[in-house]
Amino acid sequence: MLKSVVVALVSLGLVILVTLGLTPADAATTNSETYIWSFASLDSNQLVCKQVVMHPEQSFHRRSSKEQVVQMSSTSTIVSDRYCANSAKPDVAGG
């Protein structure tokens, strides 16, 4: 039993060490686009394919750490359904 506890503590120590040692992913510096099924407007129940583009606008560093923070905005545009052909279309039958 003592051997199991020691192995568990060593494993936990390794996980913590690796987690703290990894550097965070670089913040996005270019536009990122994706295609999703979404409602045409807030008051509509019609599903359409939309292109959503994320735009990084401003980048700054936090004083308390070396992290880079990127302020993002997004735009969406209705596009042809063929762009969402590989995505599962949600069921909006309701009920």
PDB file of N, CA and C in Angstrom:
ATOM      1  N   MET A   1       0.824  -1.193   0.000  1.00  0.00           N
ATOM      2  CA  MET A   1       0.000   0.000   0.000  1.00  0.00           C
ATOM      3  C   MET A   1       0.872   1.261   0.000  1.00  0.00           C
ATOM      4  N   LEU A   2       1.949   1.228   0.772  1.00  0.00           N
ATOM      5  CA  LEU A   2       2.850   2.368   0.830  1.00  0.00           C
ATOM      6  C   LEU A   2       3.456   2.647  -0.547  1.00  0.00           C
ATOM      7  N   LYS A   3       3.732   1.566  -1.280  1.00  0.00           N
ATOM      8  CA  LYS A   3       4.294   1.717  -2.623  1.00  0.00           C
ATOM      9  C   LYS A   3       3.304   2.441  -3.538  1.00  0.00           C
ATOM     10  N   SER A   4       2.026   2.131  -3.428  1.00  0.00           N
ATOM     11  CA  SER A   4       0.998   2.782  -4.241  1.00  0.00           C
ATOM     12  C   SER A   4       0.898   4.267  -3.923  1.00  0.00           C
ATOM     13  N   VAL A   5       0.996   4.620  -2.645  1.00  0.00           N
ATOM     14  CA  VAL A   5       0.926   6.019  -2.233  1.00  0.00           C
ATOM     15  C   VAL A   5       2.135   6.788  -2.778  1.00  0.00           C
ATOM     16  N   VAL A   6       3.309   6.193  -2.689  1.00  0.00           N
ATOM     17  CA  VAL A   6       4.527   6.848  -3.194  1.00  0.00           C
ATOM     18  C   VAL A   6       4.431   7.050  -4.704  1.00  0.00           C
ATOM     19  N   VAL A   7       3.972   6.043  -5.428  1.00  0.00           N
ATOM     20  CA  VAL A   7       3.821   6.160  -6.886  1.00  0.00           C
ATOM     21  C   VAL A   7       2.807   7.250  -7.220  1.00  0.00           C
ATOM     22  N   ALA A   8       1.702   7.317  -6.480  1.00  0.00           N
ATOM     23  CA  ALA A   8       0.679   8.336  -6.734  1.00  0.00           C
ATOM     24  C   ALA A   8       1.234   9.735  -6.473  1.00  0.00           C
ATOM     25  N   LEU A   9       1.986   9.911  -5.393  1.00  0.00           N
ATOM     26  CA  LEU A   9       2.558  11.224  -5.080  1.00  0.00           C
ATOM     27  C   LEU A   9       3.611  11.647  -6.106  1.00  0.00           C
ATOM     28  N   VAL A  10       4.432  10.710  -6.546  1.00  0.00           N
ATOM     29  CA  VAL A  10       5.433  11.020  -7.577  1.00  0.00           C
ATOM     30  C   VAL A  10       4.730  11.398  -8.881  1.00  0.00           C
ATOM     31  N   SER A  11       3.691  10.677  -9.244  1.00  0.00           N
ATOM     32  CA  SER A  11       2.929  10.988 -10.468  1.00  0.00           C
ATOM     33  C   SER A  11       2.309  12.375 -10.375  1.00  0.00           C
ATOM     34  N   LEU A  12       1.701  12.682  -9.225  1.00  0.00           N
ATOM     35  CA  LEU A  12       1.106  13.992  -9.034  1.00  0.00           C
ATOM     36  C   LEU A  12       2.166  15.083  -9.126  1.00  0.00           C
ATOM     37  N   GLY A  13       3.319  14.848  -8.539  1.00  0.00           N
ATOM     38  CA  GLY A  13       4.414  15.814  -8.613  1.00  0.00           C
ATOM     39  C   GLY A  13       4.862  16.060 -10.039  1.00  0.00           C
ATOM     40  N   LEU A  14       4.956  15.000 -10.827  1.00  0.00           N
ATOM     41  CA  LEU A  14       5.351  15.146 -12.234  1.00  0.00           C
ATOM     42  C   LEU A  14       4.315  15.939 -13.021  1.00  0.00           C
ATOM     43  N   VAL A  15       3.037  15.664 -12.777  1.00  0.00           N
ATOM     44  CA  VAL A  15       1.970  16.390 -13.475  1.00  0.00           C
ATOM     45  C   VAL A  15       2.039  17.869 -13.135  1.00  0.00           C
ATOM     46  N   ILE A  16       2.203  18.189 -11.872  1.00  0.00           N
ATOM     47  CA  ILE A  16       2.285  19.594 -11.461  1.00  0.00           C
ATOM     48  C   ILE A  16       3.521  20.259 -12.063  1.00  0.00           C
ATOM     49  N   LEU A  17       4.636  19.576 -12.050  1.00  0.00           N
ATOM     50  CA  LEU A  17       5.874  20.127 -12.604  1.00  0.00           C
ATOM     51  C   LEU A  17       5.737  20.419 -14.097  1.00  0.00           C
ATOM     52  N   VAL A  18       5.181  19.478 -14.841  1.00  0.00           N
ATOM     53  CA  VAL A  18       5.001  19.664 -16.283  1.00  0.00           C
ATOM     54  C   VAL A  18       4.012  20.791 -16.556  1.00  0.00           C
ATOM     55  N   THR A  19       2.920  20.842 -15.800  1.00  0.00           N
ATOM     56  CA  THR A  19       1.905  21.879 -15.996  1.00  0.00           C
ATOM     57  C   THR A  19       2.480  23.267 -15.757  1.00  0.00           C
ATOM     58  N   LEU A  20       3.231  23.430 -14.706  1.00  0.00           N
ATOM     59  CA  LEU A  20       3.819  24.735 -14.406  1.00  0.00           C
ATOM     60  C   LEU A  20       4.948  25.099 -15.362  1.00  0.00           C
ATOM     61  N   GLY A  21       5.583  24.105 -15.942  1.00  0.00           N
ATOM     62  CA  GLY A  21       6.704  24.356 -16.831  1.00  0.00           C
ATOM     63  C   GLY A  21       6.315  24.682 -18.252  1.00  0.00           C
ATOM     64  N   LEU A  22       5.097  24.363 -18.649  1.00  0.00           N
ATOM     65  CA  LEU A  22       4.663  24.628 -20.019  1.00  0.00           C
ATOM     66  C   LEU A  22       4.371  26.106 -20.216  1.00  0.00           C
ATOM     67  N   THR A  23       4.751  26.632 -21.358  1.00  0.00           N
ATOM     68  CA  THR A  23       4.423  28.010 -21.681  1.00  0.00           C
ATOM     69  C   THR A  23       3.075  28.041 -22.382  1.00  0.00           C
ATOM     70  N   PRO A  24       2.272  29.089 -22.142  1.00  0.00           N
ATOM     71  CA  PRO A  24       0.971  29.164 -22.786  1.00  0.00           C
ATOM     72  C   PRO A  24       1.106  29.361 -24.294  1.00  0.00           C
ATOM     73  N   ALA A  25       0.083  28.981 -25.013  1.00  0.00           N
ATOM     74  CA  ALA A  25       0.087  29.150 -26.467  1.00  0.00           C
ATOM     75  C   ALA A  25       0.153  30.628 -26.816  1.00  0.00           C
ATOM     76  N   ASP A  26       0.781  30.933 -27.926  1.00  0.00           N
ATOM     77  CA  ASP A  26       0.856  32.325 -28.372  1.00  0.00           C
ATOM     78  C   ASP A  26      -0.540  32.822 -28.716  1.00  0.00           C
ATOM     79  N   ALA A  27      -0.790  34.077 -28.412  1.00  0.00           N
ATOM     80  CA  ALA A  27      -2.080  34.671 -28.726  1.00  0.00           C
ATOM     81  C   ALA A  27      -2.215  34.814 -30.239  1.00  0.00           C
ATOM     82  N   ALA A  28      -3.449  34.795 -30.691  1.00  0.00           N
ATOM     83  CA  ALA A  28      -3.707  34.908 -32.124  1.00  0.00           C
ATOM     84  C   ALA A  28      -3.235  36.257 -32.642  1.00  0.00           C
ATOM     85  N   THR A  29      -2.580  36.250 -33.772  1.00  0.00           N
ATOM     86  CA  THR A  29      -2.112  37.500 -34.368  1.00  0.00           C
ATOM     87  C   THR A  29      -2.727  37.727 -35.738  1.00  0.00           C
ATOM     88  N   THR A  30      -3.460  36.766 -36.229  1.00  0.00           N
ATOM     89  CA  THR A  30      -4.110  36.912 -37.528  1.00  0.00           C
ATOM     90  C   THR A  30      -5.585  36.569 -37.388  1.00  0.00           C
ATOM     91  N   ASN A  31      -6.362  36.946 -38.384  1.00  0.00           N
ATOM     92  CA  ASN A  31      -7.784  36.629 -38.376  1.00  0.00           C
ATOM     93  C   ASN A  31      -7.990  35.118 -38.409  1.00  0.00           C
ATOM     94  N   SER A  32      -8.991  34.671 -37.691  1.00  0.00           N
ATOM     95  CA  SER A  32      -9.337  33.253 -37.648  1.00  0.00           C
ATOM     96  C   SER A  32     -10.782  33.126 -38.098  1.00  0.00           C
ATOM     97  N   GLU A  33     -11.045  32.211 -39.040  1.00  0.00           N
ATOM     98  CA  GLU A  33     -12.418  32.077 -39.530  1.00  0.00           C
ATOM     99  C   GLU A  33     -12.915  30.652 -39.362  1.00  0.00           C
ATOM    100  N   THR A  34     -14.231  30.547 -39.150  1.00  0.00           N
ATOM    101  CA  THR A  34     -14.878  29.248 -39.042  1.00  0.00           C
ATOM    102  C   THR A  34     -16.292  29.360 -39.594  1.00  0.00           C
ATOM    103  N   TYR A  35     -16.891  28.235 -39.898  1.00  0.00           N
ATOM    104  CA  TYR A  35     -18.247  28.206 -40.443  1.00  0.00           C
ATOM    105  C   TYR A  35     -19.134  27.427 -39.487  1.00  0.00           C
ATOM    106  N   ILE A  36     -20.284  28.010 -39.134  1.00  0.00           N
ATOM    107  CA  ILE A  36     -21.202  27.383 -38.184  1.00  0.00           C
ATOM    108  C   ILE A  36     -22.645  27.547 -38.647  1.00  0.00           C
ATOM    109  N   TRP A  37     -23.499  26.621 -38.182  1.00  0.00           N
ATOM    110  CA  TRP A  37     -24.934  26.786 -38.369  1.00  0.00           C
ATOM    111  C   TRP A  37     -25.420  27.712 -37.271  1.00  0.00           C
ATOM    112  N   SER A  38     -26.217  28.705 -37.632  1.00  0.00           N
ATOM    113  CA  SER A  38     -26.715  29.668 -36.655  1.00  0.00           C
ATOM    114  C   SER A  38     -28.057  30.203 -37.136  1.00  0.00           C
ATOM    115  N   PHE A  39     -28.749  30.884 -36.253  1.00  0.00           N
ATOM    116  CA  PHE A  39     -30.019  31.489 -36.642  1.00  0.00           C
ATOM    117  C   PHE A  39     -29.752  32.750 -37.453  1.00  0.00           C
ATOM    118  N   ALA A  40     -30.633  33.022 -38.421  1.00  0.00           N
ATOM    119  CA  ALA A  40     -30.458  34.164 -39.318  1.00  0.00           C
ATOM    120  C   ALA A  40     -30.430  35.480 -38.537  1.00  0.00           C
ATOM    121  N   SER A  41     -31.241  35.577 -37.492  1.00  0.00           N
ATOM    122  CA  SER A  41     -31.256  36.761 -36.622  1.00  0.00           C
ATOM    123  C   SER A  41     -31.767  36.327 -35.252  1.00  0.00           C
ATOM    124  N   LEU A  42     -31.773  37.242 -34.304  1.00  0.00           N
ATOM    125  CA  LEU A  42     -32.179  36.897 -32.944  1.00  0.00           C
ATOM    126  C   LEU A  42     -33.622  36.410 -32.848  1.00  0.00           C
ATOM    127  N   ASP A  43     -34.509  36.984 -33.644  1.00  0.00           N
ATOM    128  CA  ASP A  43     -35.924  36.631 -33.563  1.00  0.00           C
ATOM    129  C   ASP A  43     -36.351  35.644 -34.652  1.00  0.00           C
ATOM    130  N   SER A  44     -35.400  34.957 -35.258  1.00  0.00           N
ATOM    131  CA  SER A  44     -35.692  34.031 -36.356  1.00  0.00           C
ATOM    132  C   SER A  44     -35.461  32.589 -35.916  1.00  0.00           C
ATOM    133  N   ASN A  45     -36.230  31.676 -36.502  1.00  0.00           N
ATOM    134  CA  ASN A  45     -35.979  30.245 -36.264  1.00  0.00           C
ATOM    135  C   ASN A  45     -35.404  29.583 -37.512  1.00  0.00           C
ATOM    136  N   GLN A  46     -34.977  30.381 -38.485  1.00  0.00           N
ATOM    137  CA  GLN A  46     -34.385  29.880 -39.716  1.00  0.00           C
ATOM    138  C   GLN A  46     -32.881  29.681 -39.517  1.00  0.00           C
ATOM    139  N   LEU A  47     -32.405  28.455 -39.763  1.00  0.00           N
ATOM    140  CA  LEU A  47     -30.978  28.163 -39.661  1.00  0.00           C
ATOM    141  C   LEU A  47     -30.279  28.503 -40.963  1.00  0.00           C
ATOM    142  N   VAL A  48     -29.148  29.177 -40.845  1.00  0.00           N
ATOM    143  CA  VAL A  48     -28.336  29.522 -42.000  1.00  0.00           C
ATOM    144  C   VAL A  48     -26.887  29.198 -41.683  1.00  0.00           C
ATOM    145  N   CYS A  49     -26.073  29.099 -42.716  1.00  0.00           N
ATOM    146  CA  CYS A  49     -24.642  28.892 -42.533  1.00  0.00           C
ATOM    147  C   CYS A  49     -23.989  30.265 -42.427  1.00  0.00           C
ATOM    148  N   LYS A  50     -23.173  30.448 -41.368  1.00  0.00           N
ATOM    149  CA  LYS A  50     -22.502  31.728 -41.174  1.00  0.00           C
ATOM    150  C   LYS A  50     -20.991  31.539 -41.120  1.00  0.00           C
ATOM    151  N   GLN A  51     -20.304  32.493 -41.698  1.00  0.00           N
ATOM    152  CA  GLN A  51     -18.857  32.570 -41.566  1.00  0.00           C
ATOM    153  C   GLN A  51     -18.586  33.521 -40.406  1.00  0.00           C
ATOM    154  N   VAL A  52     -17.873  33.031 -39.384  1.00  0.00           N
ATOM    155  CA  VAL A  52     -17.521  33.857 -38.234  1.00  0.00           C
ATOM    156  C   VAL A  52     -16.015  34.105 -38.292  1.00  0.00           C
ATOM    157  N   VAL A  53     -15.640  35.385 -38.293  1.00  0.00           N
ATOM    158  CA  VAL A  53     -14.230  35.758 -38.362  1.00  0.00           C
ATOM    159  C   VAL A  53     -13.862  36.491 -37.075  1.00  0.00           C
ATOM    160  N   MET A  54     -12.815  35.995 -36.415  1.00  0.00           N
ATOM    161  CA  MET A  54     -12.293  36.641 -35.209  1.00  0.00           C
ATOM    162  C   MET A  54     -11.161  37.570 -35.624  1.00  0.00           C
ATOM    163  N   HIS A  55     -11.211  38.809 -35.127  1.00  0.00           N
ATOM    164  CA  HIS A  55     -10.215  39.817 -35.465  1.00  0.00           C
ATOM    165  C   HIS A  55      -9.449  40.229 -34.208  1.00  0.00           C
ATOM    166  N   PRO A  56      -8.152  39.946 -34.137  1.00  0.00           N
ATOM    167  CA  PRO A  56      -7.378  40.486 -33.014  1.00  0.00           C
ATOM    168  C   PRO A  56      -7.213  41.990 -33.211  1.00  0.00           C
ATOM    169  N   GLU A  57      -7.573  42.774 -32.190  1.00  0.00           N
ATOM    170  CA  GLU A  57      -7.542  44.228 -32.342  1.00  0.00           C
ATOM    171  C   GLU A  57      -6.395  44.884 -31.601  1.00  0.00           C
ATOM    172  N   GLN A  58      -6.183  44.464 -30.381  1.00  0.00           N
ATOM    173  CA  GLN A  58      -5.203  45.157 -29.558  1.00  0.00           C
ATOM    174  C   GLN A  58      -4.488  44.138 -28.697  1.00  0.00           C
ATOM    175  N   SER A  59      -3.223  44.317 -28.529  1.00  0.00           N
ATOM    176  CA  SER A  59      -2.422  43.399 -27.732  1.00  0.00           C
ATOM    177  C   SER A  59      -1.697  44.181 -26.650  1.00  0.00           C
ATOM    178  N   PHE A  60      -1.721  43.668 -25.431  1.00  0.00           N
ATOM    179  CA  PHE A  60      -0.983  44.316 -24.355  1.00  0.00           C
ATOM    180  C   PHE A  60      -0.516  43.260 -23.367  1.00  0.00           C
ATOM    181  N   HIS A  61       0.439  43.611 -22.533  1.00  0.00           N
ATOM    182  CA  HIS A  61       0.991  42.696 -21.542  1.00  0.00           C
ATOM    183  C   HIS A  61       0.459  43.059 -20.155  1.00  0.00           C
ATOM    184  N   ARG A  62       0.165  42.047 -19.375  1.00  0.00           N
ATOM    185  CA  ARG A  62      -0.232  42.281 -17.988  1.00  0.00           C
ATOM    186  C   ARG A  62       1.002  42.641 -17.177  1.00  0.00           C
ATOM    187  N   ARG A  63       0.831  43.546 -16.235  1.00  0.00           N
ATOM    188  CA  ARG A  63       1.955  43.947 -15.381  1.00  0.00           C
ATOM    189  C   ARG A  63       2.391  42.826 -14.460  1.00  0.00           C
ATOM    190  N   SER A  64       1.417  42.061 -13.971  1.00  0.00           N
ATOM    191  CA  SER A  64       1.713  41.051 -12.959  1.00  0.00           C
ATOM    192  C   SER A  64       2.348  39.783 -13.517  1.00  0.00           C
ATOM    193  N   SER A  65       2.338  39.623 -14.818  1.00  0.00           N
ATOM    194  CA  SER A  65       2.913  38.411 -15.404  1.00  0.00           C
ATOM    195  C   SER A  65       3.450  38.727 -16.792  1.00  0.00           C
ATOM    196  N   LYS A  66       3.991  37.712 -17.423  1.00  0.00           N
ATOM    197  CA  LYS A  66       4.525  37.879 -18.773  1.00  0.00           C
ATOM    198  C   LYS A  66       3.493  37.531 -19.844  1.00  0.00           C
ATOM    199  N   GLU A  67       2.222  37.366 -19.429  1.00  0.00           N
ATOM    200  CA  GLU A  67       1.182  36.978 -20.373  1.00  0.00           C
ATOM    201  C   GLU A  67       0.845  38.113 -21.336  1.00  0.00           C
ATOM    202  N   GLN A  68       0.579  37.725 -22.559  1.00  0.00           N
ATOM    203  CA  GLN A  68       0.119  38.685 -23.553  1.00  0.00           C
ATOM    204  C   GLN A  68      -1.392  38.521 -23.671  1.00  0.00           C
ATOM    205  N   VAL A  69      -2.117  39.609 -23.585  1.00  0.00           N
ATOM    206  CA  VAL A  69      -3.570  39.588 -23.678  1.00  0.00           C
ATOM    207  C   VAL A  69      -3.967  40.222 -25.002  1.00  0.00           C
ATOM    208  N   VAL A  70      -4.858  39.562 -25.731  1.00  0.00           N
ATOM    209  CA  VAL A  70      -5.292  40.076 -27.025  1.00  0.00           C
ATOM    210  C   VAL A  70      -6.788  40.341 -26.964  1.00  0.00           C
ATOM    211  N   GLN A  71      -7.166  41.561 -27.295  1.00  0.00           N
ATOM    212  CA  GLN A  71      -8.577  41.912 -27.359  1.00  0.00           C
ATOM    213  C   GLN A  71      -9.100  41.485 -28.729  1.00  0.00           C
ATOM    214  N   MET A  72     -10.223  40.762 -28.745  1.00  0.00           N
ATOM    215  CA  MET A  72     -10.755  40.227 -29.996  1.00  0.00           C
ATOM    216  C   MET A  72     -12.141  40.805 -30.279  1.00  0.00           C
ATOM    217  N   SER A  73     -12.479  40.876 -31.541  1.00  0.00           N
ATOM    218  CA  SER A  73     -13.841  41.166 -31.968  1.00  0.00           C
ATOM    219  C   SER A  73     -14.181  40.158 -33.060  1.00  0.00           C
ATOM    220  N   SER A  74     -15.450  40.063 -33.399  1.00  0.00           N
ATOM    221  CA  SER A  74     -15.822  39.104 -34.436  1.00  0.00           C
ATOM    222  C   SER A  74     -16.894  39.691 -35.340  1.00  0.00           C
ATOM    223  N   THR A  75     -16.942  39.163 -36.547  1.00  0.00           N
ATOM    224  CA  THR A  75     -17.996  39.510 -37.494  1.00  0.00           C
ATOM    225  C   THR A  75     -18.559  38.210 -38.047  1.00  0.00           C
ATOM    226  N   SER A  76     -19.844  38.226 -38.390  1.00  0.00           N
ATOM    227  CA  SER A  76     -20.430  37.039 -39.002  1.00  0.00           C
ATOM    228  C   SER A  76     -21.209  37.446 -40.237  1.00  0.00           C
ATOM    229  N   THR A  77     -21.143  36.582 -41.230  1.00  0.00           N
ATOM    230  CA  THR A  77     -21.790  36.829 -42.516  1.00  0.00           C
ATOM    231  C   THR A  77     -22.492  35.558 -42.962  1.00  0.00           C
ATOM    232  N   ILE A  78     -23.709  35.677 -43.446  1.00  0.00           N
ATOM    233  CA  ILE A  78     -24.428  34.510 -43.980  1.00  0.00           C
ATOM    234  C   ILE A  78     -23.793  34.131 -45.307  1.00  0.00           C
ATOM    235  N   VAL A  79     -23.467  32.835 -45.449  1.00  0.00           N
ATOM    236  CA  VAL A  79     -22.835  32.331 -46.667  1.00  0.00           C
ATOM    237  C   VAL A  79     -23.617  31.115 -47.166  1.00  0.00           C
ATOM    238  N   SER A  80     -23.202  30.578 -48.268  1.00  0.00           N
ATOM    239  CA  SER A  80     -23.844  29.406 -48.863  1.00  0.00           C
ATOM    240  C   SER A  80     -23.780  28.212 -47.909  1.00  0.00           C
ATOM    241  N   ASP A  81     -24.838  27.405 -47.886  1.00  0.00           N
ATOM    242  CA  ASP A  81     -24.898  26.214 -47.027  1.00  0.00           C
ATOM    243  C   ASP A  81     -23.768  25.231 -47.308  1.00  0.00           C
ATOM    244  N   ARG A  82     -23.176  25.279 -48.474  1.00  0.00           N
ATOM    245  CA  ARG A  82     -22.117  24.324 -48.813  1.00  0.00           C
ATOM    246  C   ARG A  82     -20.903  24.465 -47.896  1.00  0.00           C
ATOM    247  N   TYR A  83     -20.681  25.665 -47.311  1.00  0.00           N
ATOM    248  CA  TYR A  83     -19.550  25.854 -46.401  1.00  0.00           C
ATOM    249  C   TYR A  83     -19.740  25.091 -45.088  1.00  0.00           C
ATOM    250  N   CYS A  84     -20.981  24.840 -44.718  1.00  0.00           N
ATOM    251  CA  CYS A  84     -21.289  24.116 -43.476  1.00  0.00           C
ATOM    252  C   CYS A  84     -21.645  22.655 -43.741  1.00  0.00           C
ATOM    253  N   ALA A  85     -21.400  22.179 -44.944  1.00  0.00           N
ATOM    254  CA  ALA A  85     -21.806  20.829 -45.323  1.00  0.00           C
ATOM    255  C   ALA A  85     -21.199  19.757 -44.425  1.00  0.00           C
ATOM    256  N   ASN A  86     -19.996  19.977 -43.888  1.00  0.00           N
ATOM    257  CA  ASN A  86     -19.336  18.975 -43.035  1.00  0.00           C
ATOM    258  C   ASN A  86     -19.731  19.109 -41.574  1.00  0.00           C
ATOM    259  N   SER A  87     -20.569  20.074 -41.228  1.00  0.00           N
ATOM    260  CA  SER A  87     -21.003  20.275 -39.853  1.00  0.00           C
ATOM    261  C   SER A  87     -22.408  19.718 -39.675  1.00  0.00           C
ATOM    262  N   ALA A  88     -22.662  19.176 -38.506  1.00  0.00           N
ATOM    263  CA  ALA A  88     -23.996  18.667 -38.199  1.00  0.00           C
ATOM    264  C   ALA A  88     -24.960  19.829 -38.036  1.00  0.00           C
ATOM    265  N   LYS A  89     -26.067  19.778 -38.718  1.00  0.00           N
ATOM    266  CA  LYS A  89     -27.066  20.835 -38.620  1.00  0.00           C
ATOM    267  C   LYS A  89     -27.922  20.568 -37.389  1.00  0.00           C
ATOM    268  N   PRO A  90     -28.037  21.530 -36.476  1.00  0.00           N
ATOM    269  CA  PRO A  90     -28.820  21.307 -35.254  1.00  0.00           C
ATOM    270  C   PRO A  90     -30.295  21.118 -35.564  1.00  0.00           C
ATOM    271  N   ASP A  91     -30.968  20.335 -34.732  1.00  0.00           N
ATOM    272  CA  ASP A  91     -32.397  20.107 -34.856  1.00  0.00           C
ATOM    273  C   ASP A  91     -33.126  21.203 -34.083  1.00  0.00           C
ATOM    274  N   VAL A  92     -33.902  22.002 -34.762  1.00  0.00           N
ATOM    275  CA  VAL A  92     -34.617  23.103 -34.102  1.00  0.00           C
ATOM    276  C   VAL A  92     -36.122  22.868 -34.095  1.00  0.00           C
ATOM    277  N   ALA A  93     -36.538  21.601 -34.086  1.00  0.00           N
ATOM    278  CA  ALA A  93     -37.954  21.282 -34.097  1.00  0.00           C
ATOM    279  C   ALA A  93     -38.651  21.822 -32.862  1.00  0.00           C
ATOM    280  N   GLY A  94     -37.917  21.903 -31.746  1.00  0.00           N
ATOM    281  CA  GLY A  94     -38.489  22.457 -30.509  1.00  0.00           C
ATOM    282  C   GLY A  94     -39.462  21.499 -29.867  1.00  0.00           C
ATOM    283  N   GLY A  95     -39.696  21.717 -28.607  1.00  0.00           N
ATOM    284  CA  GLY A  95     -40.672  20.842 -27.965  1.00  0.00           C
ATOM    285  C   GLY A  95     -40.405  20.619 -26.536  1.00  0.00           C
TER     286      GLY A  95
END
